[in-house]
Amino acid sequence: EELNAETDRAVGIVGATMLESQLEALLSHHMSHLDVDTKNKLFNAYGPLSSFSAKIKIAYAFKLCSKAIYKDLDI
């Protein structure tokens, strides 16, 4: 519903942001053994998992998503 009233450009941007947020939540869940500070360092602006691309790659590397989903997200 939220995306129905948006322009094509907005749907792309908002949709990608929503996917990235869900992917970060998935990765964070699988890092539950880490303290909050360590997680923040991984996901912050200069951390190795700060980009959507890095999150996609690491999720696939750890088998948290299928190859088909990996390819779709990478596109």
Protein backbone atom coordinates (compact mmCIF):
# COMPACT_ATOMS: atom_id res chain seq x y z
CA GLU A 1 0.00 0.00 0.00
CA GLU A 2 2.76 2.40 0.94
CA LEU A 3 4.38 2.12 -2.47
CA ASN A 4 1.21 2.26 -4.60
CA ALA A 5 0.96 6.06 -4.50
CA GLU A 6 4.64 6.62 -5.31
CA THR A 7 6.41 7.34 -8.59
CA ASP A 8 8.46 4.60 -10.25
CA ARG A 9 11.66 6.25 -9.03
CA ALA A 10 10.39 6.44 -5.45
CA VAL A 11 9.28 2.80 -5.55
CA GLY A 12 12.80 1.78 -6.59
CA ILE A 13 14.46 3.82 -3.87
CA VAL A 14 12.02 3.01 -1.07
CA GLY A 15 11.80 -0.64 -2.10
CA ALA A 16 15.59 -1.04 -2.09
CA THR A 17 15.79 0.69 1.29
CA MET A 18 13.17 -1.67 2.70
CA LEU A 19 15.04 -4.71 1.34
CA GLU A 20 18.34 -3.46 2.74
CA SER A 21 16.75 -2.91 6.14
CA GLN A 22 15.33 -6.44 6.18
CA LEU A 23 18.65 -7.89 5.07
CA GLU A 24 20.45 -6.02 7.85
CA ALA A 25 17.93 -7.37 10.36
CA LEU A 26 18.53 -10.91 9.07
CA LEU A 27 22.29 -10.56 9.34
CA SER A 28 22.06 -8.92 12.76
CA HIS A 29 19.85 -11.77 13.98
CA HIS A 30 22.50 -14.27 12.93
CA MET A 31 25.08 -12.24 14.84
CA SER A 32 23.13 -12.35 18.09
CA HIS A 33 26.25 -13.55 19.92
CA LEU A 34 27.91 -10.17 19.28
CA ASP A 35 27.51 -7.16 21.54
CA VAL A 36 25.71 -4.06 20.22
CA ASP A 37 28.92 -2.03 19.86
CA THR A 38 30.51 -4.68 17.64
CA LYS A 39 27.39 -4.92 15.48
CA ASN A 40 27.32 -1.15 15.13
CA LYS A 41 30.93 -1.16 13.97
CA LEU A 42 30.08 -3.72 11.29
CA PHE A 43 27.06 -1.85 9.94
CA ASN A 44 28.08 1.81 10.46
CA ALA A 45 29.15 4.16 7.65
CA TYR A 46 32.72 2.85 7.53
CA GLY A 47 32.03 -0.75 8.50
CA PRO A 48 32.46 -3.70 6.17
CA LEU A 49 28.68 -4.25 6.04
CA SER A 50 27.69 -0.63 5.51
CA SER A 51 26.65 -1.04 1.87
CA PHE A 52 23.65 -2.89 0.48
CA SER A 53 26.01 -4.75 -1.86
CA ALA A 54 28.15 -6.03 1.02
CA LYS A 55 25.07 -7.18 2.92
CA ILE A 56 23.83 -9.08 -0.14
CA LYS A 57 27.18 -10.79 -0.67
CA ILE A 58 27.67 -11.82 2.96
CA ALA A 59 24.09 -13.12 3.24
CA TYR A 60 24.71 -15.32 0.21
CA ALA A 61 28.15 -16.39 1.45
CA PHE A 62 26.61 -17.57 4.74
CA LYS A 63 23.73 -19.30 2.91
CA LEU A 64 21.10 -16.96 4.35
CA CYS A 65 19.59 -16.54 0.89
CA SER A 66 19.41 -18.68 -2.23
CA LYS A 67 21.38 -18.06 -5.40
CA ALA A 68 18.20 -16.84 -7.12
CA ILE A 69 17.51 -14.28 -4.37
CA TYR A 70 21.17 -13.27 -4.42
CA LYS A 71 20.99 -12.60 -8.16
CA ASP A 72 17.71 -10.67 -7.82
CA LEU A 73 19.08 -8.51 -5.02
CA ASP A 74 22.31 -7.92 -6.90
CA ILE A 75 20.38 -6.59 -9.90
